[in-house]
Protein backbone atom coordinates (compact mmCIF):
# COMPACT_ATOMS: atom_id res chain seq x y z
CA MET A 1 -11.50 -2.09 -16.24
CA PRO A 2 -13.87 -3.39 -13.54
CA GLU A 3 -16.09 -0.91 -11.70
CA SER A 4 -14.50 0.96 -8.79
CA GLU A 5 -16.60 -0.62 -6.04
CA THR A 6 -16.10 -4.09 -7.54
CA ILE A 7 -12.36 -3.56 -7.41
CA LYS A 8 -12.45 -2.35 -3.80
CA GLU A 9 -14.64 -5.22 -2.63
CA ASN A 10 -12.37 -7.77 -4.29
CA VAL A 11 -9.33 -6.14 -2.69
CA ARG A 12 -11.02 -6.21 0.73
CA GLU A 13 -11.81 -9.90 0.38
CA HIS A 14 -8.29 -10.73 -0.79
CA TYR A 15 -6.55 -8.93 2.07
CA SER A 16 -9.09 -10.08 4.62
CA GLU A 17 -7.95 -13.61 3.81
CA VAL A 18 -4.29 -12.57 4.09
CA ALA A 19 -5.00 -11.13 7.56
CA LYS A 20 -6.87 -14.24 8.67
CA ARG A 21 -4.04 -16.53 7.56
CA ALA A 22 -1.49 -14.33 9.33
CA GLN A 23 -3.61 -14.32 12.48
CA ALA A 24 -3.73 -18.10 12.33
CA THR A 25 0.11 -18.07 12.30
CA THR A 26 0.38 -19.82 8.96
CA ILE A 27 2.77 -18.71 6.27
CA VAL A 28 1.02 -16.44 3.79
CA SER A 29 1.18 -17.67 0.21
CA CYS A 30 0.82 -14.46 -1.72
CA CYS A 31 -0.17 -16.33 -4.87
CA ALA A 32 -3.45 -17.53 -3.32
CA PRO A 33 -6.34 -17.18 -3.84
CA SER A 34 -5.40 -15.65 -7.20
CA THR A 35 -3.65 -17.68 -9.89
CA THR A 36 -1.74 -14.56 -10.88
CA ALA A 37 1.88 -14.71 -9.74
CA SER A 38 2.05 -11.58 -7.69
CA CYS A 39 0.85 -9.90 -4.47
CA CYS A 40 3.59 -7.33 -4.71
CA ALA A 41 6.56 -9.67 -4.53
CA PRO A 42 9.66 -9.34 -6.68
CA SER A 43 8.84 -12.71 -8.24
CA ALA A 44 6.43 -15.58 -7.86
CA ALA A 45 9.19 -17.77 -6.47
CA SER A 46 10.13 -15.33 -3.72
CA CYS A 47 6.47 -14.72 -2.93
CA CYS A 48 5.22 -18.27 -2.71
CA GLY A 49 7.90 -19.97 -0.70
CA PRO A 50 8.70 -18.24 2.60
CA THR A 51 10.34 -20.54 5.13
CA SER A 52 9.78 -18.31 8.16
CA ALA A 53 7.63 -15.41 9.28
CA GLY A 54 10.15 -12.80 8.15
CA ASP A 55 11.43 -14.55 5.03
CA TYR A 56 9.25 -12.66 2.56
CA ALA A 57 9.74 -9.34 4.36
CA GLN A 58 13.52 -9.76 4.08
CA LYS A 59 13.24 -10.58 0.38
CA ILE A 60 11.61 -7.21 -0.34
CA GLY A 61 14.15 -5.13 1.57
CA TYR A 62 13.58 -5.28 5.33
CA ALA A 63 16.63 -5.71 7.54
CA LEU A 64 16.80 -8.35 10.24
CA ASP A 65 17.14 -5.73 12.97
CA GLU A 66 13.92 -4.05 11.77
CA LEU A 67 12.02 -7.33 12.07
CA SER A 68 13.59 -8.82 15.18
CA ASP A 69 11.05 -7.53 17.72
CA LEU A 70 7.94 -7.53 15.49
CA PRO A 71 5.22 -10.16 15.93
CA ASP A 72 5.19 -13.02 13.45
CA ALA A 73 1.65 -12.06 12.44
CA ALA A 74 2.77 -8.57 11.38
CA GLN A 75 5.51 -10.06 9.22
CA MET A 76 3.25 -12.75 7.75
CA ALA A 77 0.72 -10.09 6.71
CA SER A 78 3.40 -8.12 4.86
CA ALA A 79 2.29 -7.92 1.23
CA GLY A 80 4.54 -5.09 0.13
CA CYS A 81 7.03 -4.66 -2.70
CA GLY A 82 9.74 -2.71 -0.88
CA ASN A 83 10.68 -0.95 2.35
CA PRO A 84 9.67 2.72 2.10
CA THR A 85 10.62 3.47 5.71
CA ALA A 86 14.25 2.67 4.89
CA LEU A 87 14.36 5.49 2.34
CA ALA A 88 12.03 8.05 3.90
CA GLY A 89 14.68 9.65 6.13
CA LEU A 90 12.34 9.69 9.13
CA LYS A 91 13.32 12.00 11.98
CA GLU A 92 12.50 12.18 15.68
CA GLY A 93 9.20 13.96 16.31
CA GLU A 94 7.74 13.58 12.82
CA VAL A 95 4.16 12.49 12.14
CA VAL A 96 4.04 9.66 9.60
CA LEU A 97 1.00 8.38 7.71
CA ASP A 98 0.98 4.92 6.11
CA LEU A 99 -1.54 4.50 3.26
CA GLY A 100 -2.88 0.94 3.36
CA SER A 101 -1.14 -0.09 6.57
CA GLY A 102 -2.18 -3.76 6.58
CA GLY A 103 -0.85 -5.68 9.58
CA GLY A 104 1.17 -2.63 10.65
CA ILE A 105 4.77 -3.58 9.84
CA ASP A 106 5.69 -0.20 8.30
CA VAL A 107 3.80 1.74 10.96
CA PHE A 108 5.74 -0.04 13.71
CA ILE A 109 9.10 0.54 12.07
CA ALA A 110 8.20 4.20 11.49
CA ALA A 111 7.03 4.60 15.10
CA LYS A 112 10.41 3.45 16.37
CA ARG A 113 12.22 5.90 14.10
CA VAL A 114 10.16 8.98 15.00
CA GLY A 115 10.32 8.16 18.70
CA PRO A 116 7.97 9.07 21.54
CA THR A 117 7.67 12.70 20.41
CA GLY A 118 6.50 11.57 16.97
CA LYS A 119 3.56 9.52 15.79
CA ALA A 120 2.80 6.86 13.18
CA ILE A 121 -0.74 6.56 11.80
CA GLY A 122 -1.98 3.73 9.61
CA VAL A 123 -5.06 3.87 7.39
CA ASP A 124 -6.61 0.72 5.94
CA MET A 125 -10.05 -0.17 4.56
CA THR A 126 -9.98 -3.85 5.57
CA GLN A 127 -11.34 -4.46 9.06
CA GLU A 128 -9.48 -7.74 9.52
CA MET A 129 -6.17 -5.99 8.80
CA LEU A 130 -7.03 -3.22 11.26
CA ASP A 131 -7.89 -5.80 13.92
CA LEU A 132 -4.59 -7.58 13.30
CA ALA A 133 -2.61 -4.33 13.37
CA THR A 134 -4.28 -3.21 16.60
CA LYS A 135 -3.53 -6.54 18.24
CA ASN A 136 0.09 -6.30 17.12
CA ALA A 137 0.37 -2.73 18.47
CA ASP A 138 -1.03 -3.81 21.83
CA GLU A 139 1.45 -6.69 21.97
CA LEU A 140 4.33 -4.32 21.23
CA GLY A 141 3.14 -1.67 23.68
CA PHE A 142 3.41 1.29 21.30
CA GLU A 143 1.99 4.56 22.61
CA ASN A 144 2.74 6.61 19.47
CA VAL A 145 0.77 4.43 17.02
CA GLU A 146 -2.81 4.81 15.76
CA PHE A 147 -4.83 2.88 13.18
CA ARG A 148 -7.84 4.35 11.38
CA LYS A 149 -10.37 2.72 9.09
CA GLY A 150 -10.67 4.55 5.81
CA ASP A 151 -10.22 4.71 2.06
CA ILE A 152 -6.96 6.16 0.76
CA GLU A 153 -9.03 8.02 -1.85
CA ASP A 154 -10.77 9.84 1.03
CA LEU A 155 -8.39 9.92 3.98
CA PRO A 156 -9.72 10.29 7.55
CA VAL A 157 -6.97 12.82 8.26
CA GLU A 158 -7.06 16.60 8.78
CA ASP A 159 -5.48 19.03 6.33
CA GLY A 160 -1.78 19.83 6.76
CA THR A 161 -1.11 17.56 9.74
CA ILE A 162 1.37 15.01 8.33
CA ASP A 163 5.14 15.33 7.86
CA VAL A 164 5.75 12.16 5.85
CA ILE A 165 3.52 9.77 3.90
CA ILE A 166 4.65 6.22 3.22
CA SER A 167 2.87 3.44 1.36
CA ASN A 168 3.89 -0.09 0.40
CA CYS A 169 2.36 -1.65 -2.71
CA VAL A 170 -1.10 -0.20 -2.07
CA ILE A 171 -1.69 2.79 -4.36
CA ASN A 172 -1.73 0.48 -7.38
CA LEU A 173 -4.82 -1.15 -5.81
CA ALA A 174 -6.78 2.12 -5.82
CA PRO A 175 -9.16 2.65 -8.77
CA ASP A 176 -8.68 6.45 -8.68
CA LYS A 177 -5.01 7.20 -8.15
CA ASP A 178 -5.51 10.91 -8.88
CA LYS A 179 -7.69 11.12 -5.77
CA VAL A 180 -5.07 9.28 -3.72
CA PHE A 181 -2.33 11.74 -4.61
CA ARG A 182 -4.60 14.75 -4.16
CA GLU A 183 -5.51 13.45 -0.70
CA ALA A 184 -1.85 12.88 0.11
CA TYR A 185 -1.10 16.46 -0.91
CA ARG A 186 -4.01 17.76 1.19
CA VAL A 187 -2.97 16.12 4.46
CA LEU A 188 0.76 16.88 4.19
CA LYS A 189 2.25 19.94 5.81
CA PRO A 190 4.00 22.42 3.49
CA GLY A 191 7.42 20.93 2.80
CA GLY A 192 6.15 17.45 3.62
CA ARG A 193 7.18 14.46 1.55
CA ILE A 194 6.00 11.11 0.29
CA MET A 195 8.05 7.94 -0.11
CA VAL A 196 6.06 5.10 -1.62
CA SER A 197 6.96 1.63 -2.83
CA ASP A 198 4.61 0.55 -5.58
CA ILE A 199 4.17 -1.62 -8.64
CA VAL A 200 4.53 0.19 -11.98
CA THR A 201 5.03 -0.87 -15.59
CA ASP A 202 7.24 -0.03 -18.51
CA GLY A 203 4.45 0.29 -21.05
CA ALA A 204 0.78 -0.67 -21.10
CA LEU A 205 -0.63 -3.94 -19.78
CA PRO A 206 -2.88 -6.06 -22.03
CA GLU A 207 -6.62 -5.38 -21.62
CA SER A 208 -7.17 -9.01 -20.56
CA ILE A 209 -5.04 -8.37 -17.47
CA ARG A 210 -6.48 -4.91 -16.88
CA ASN A 211 -9.98 -6.41 -16.70
CA ASP A 212 -9.10 -9.26 -14.32
CA PRO A 213 -10.30 -8.36 -10.78
CA ASP A 214 -8.14 -11.09 -9.20
CA ALA A 215 -5.05 -9.74 -10.93
CA TRP A 216 -6.02 -6.28 -9.63
CA ALA A 217 -6.15 -7.52 -6.03
CA ALA A 218 -2.81 -9.19 -6.64
CA CYS A 219 -1.14 -5.85 -7.46
CA VAL A 220 -0.86 -6.26 -11.24
CA SER A 221 -3.91 -4.97 -13.13
CA GLY A 222 -3.95 -1.60 -11.38
CA ALA A 223 -0.29 -0.85 -12.08
CA LEU A 224 0.33 2.19 -14.28
CA ASP A 225 3.12 2.98 -16.68
CA VAL A 226 5.81 4.65 -14.59
CA ASN A 227 5.58 7.93 -16.52
CA GLU A 228 1.81 8.06 -16.03
CA TYR A 229 2.27 7.24 -12.34
CA THR A 230 4.79 10.02 -11.70
CA GLY A 231 2.71 12.34 -13.89
CA LYS A 232 -0.26 11.90 -11.57
CA ILE A 233 1.93 12.77 -8.58
CA LYS A 234 3.05 15.96 -10.32
CA SER A 235 -0.54 16.82 -11.31
CA ALA A 236 -1.53 16.69 -7.64
CA GLY A 237 0.94 19.50 -6.98
CA PHE A 238 4.07 17.65 -5.86
CA GLU A 239 7.56 18.71 -6.84
CA ASN A 240 10.92 16.97 -7.20
CA VAL A 241 9.27 13.68 -8.13
CA ARG A 242 11.86 10.96 -8.69
CA ILE A 243 12.38 7.22 -8.77
CA VAL A 244 14.79 6.46 -5.93
CA ASP A 245 15.13 2.72 -6.52
CA LYS A 246 13.51 -0.09 -8.48
CA ARG A 247 13.62 -3.88 -8.72
CA GLY A 248 12.42 -6.45 -11.21
CA PHE A 249 9.04 -8.12 -10.82
CA MET A 250 7.94 -9.91 -13.98
CA GLY A 251 8.14 -8.86 -17.61
CA ILE A 252 7.34 -5.16 -17.99
CA VAL A 253 6.12 -4.97 -14.37
CA TYR A 254 8.48 -3.82 -11.62
CA SER A 255 8.45 -2.26 -8.17
CA ALA A 256 9.72 1.27 -7.62
CA GLU A 257 10.40 3.57 -4.69
CA VAL A 258 9.09 7.03 -5.54
CA GLU A 259 9.83 10.25 -3.65
CA ALA A 260 8.10 13.62 -3.96
CA PHE A 261 7.66 16.85 -1.96
CA LYS A 262 4.86 19.28 -1.24
CA PRO A 263 6.11 22.85 -1.84
CA LEU A 264 6.71 25.10 1.14
């Protein structure tokens, strides 16, 4: 496996390019610059051939009414593998944290669901994505949205301040997933919950893929066996960990929606 900082730098570069292409209002081809068929899409075909800004987002589970008032750039920067906000059961007044918020699509959908008495916070380590998300938020006029620069292994969030954590095809990119789940546990309020969409595997990946930094940035190399993935969530202290939904990706790799709760 590549070194942690090498992985993170490669991920930054990859998603910086995604943000720049979205900002330039061109359709994002998730298969570039990597030759690995991925970027958290259900398949290479669905990933590489969007015909409109929201085409890819719809393919991974977003509804038309969720996308209708979002900027094209937010939709073009979507590099997820599901729609965690659709399954998170968000309520008015809740505080939601999105790990790896990218262009902000999940933050904006969450902000609408929690309403003016709630708040949606996005954390991302790529400056170009933060710039894009901030621009999108300004365009939409949200007053209950905030974006923070940070590493999901070391969240810039106070202890016990979050009701719900969402994440969309990002945790697999982190070199130290144990830290990510421990941080998620730390910032959640007692009784808080996580609902994440992520890439997992049914069995181990070949070492040749594990050691490919481009495949890591493209959401493949960092994927864990599903039992190891849910085991790490449990080890962080979460309870009632379960796979809510899953969809095919390629071979032994698939995307899953995972729910878990912090004890009261």
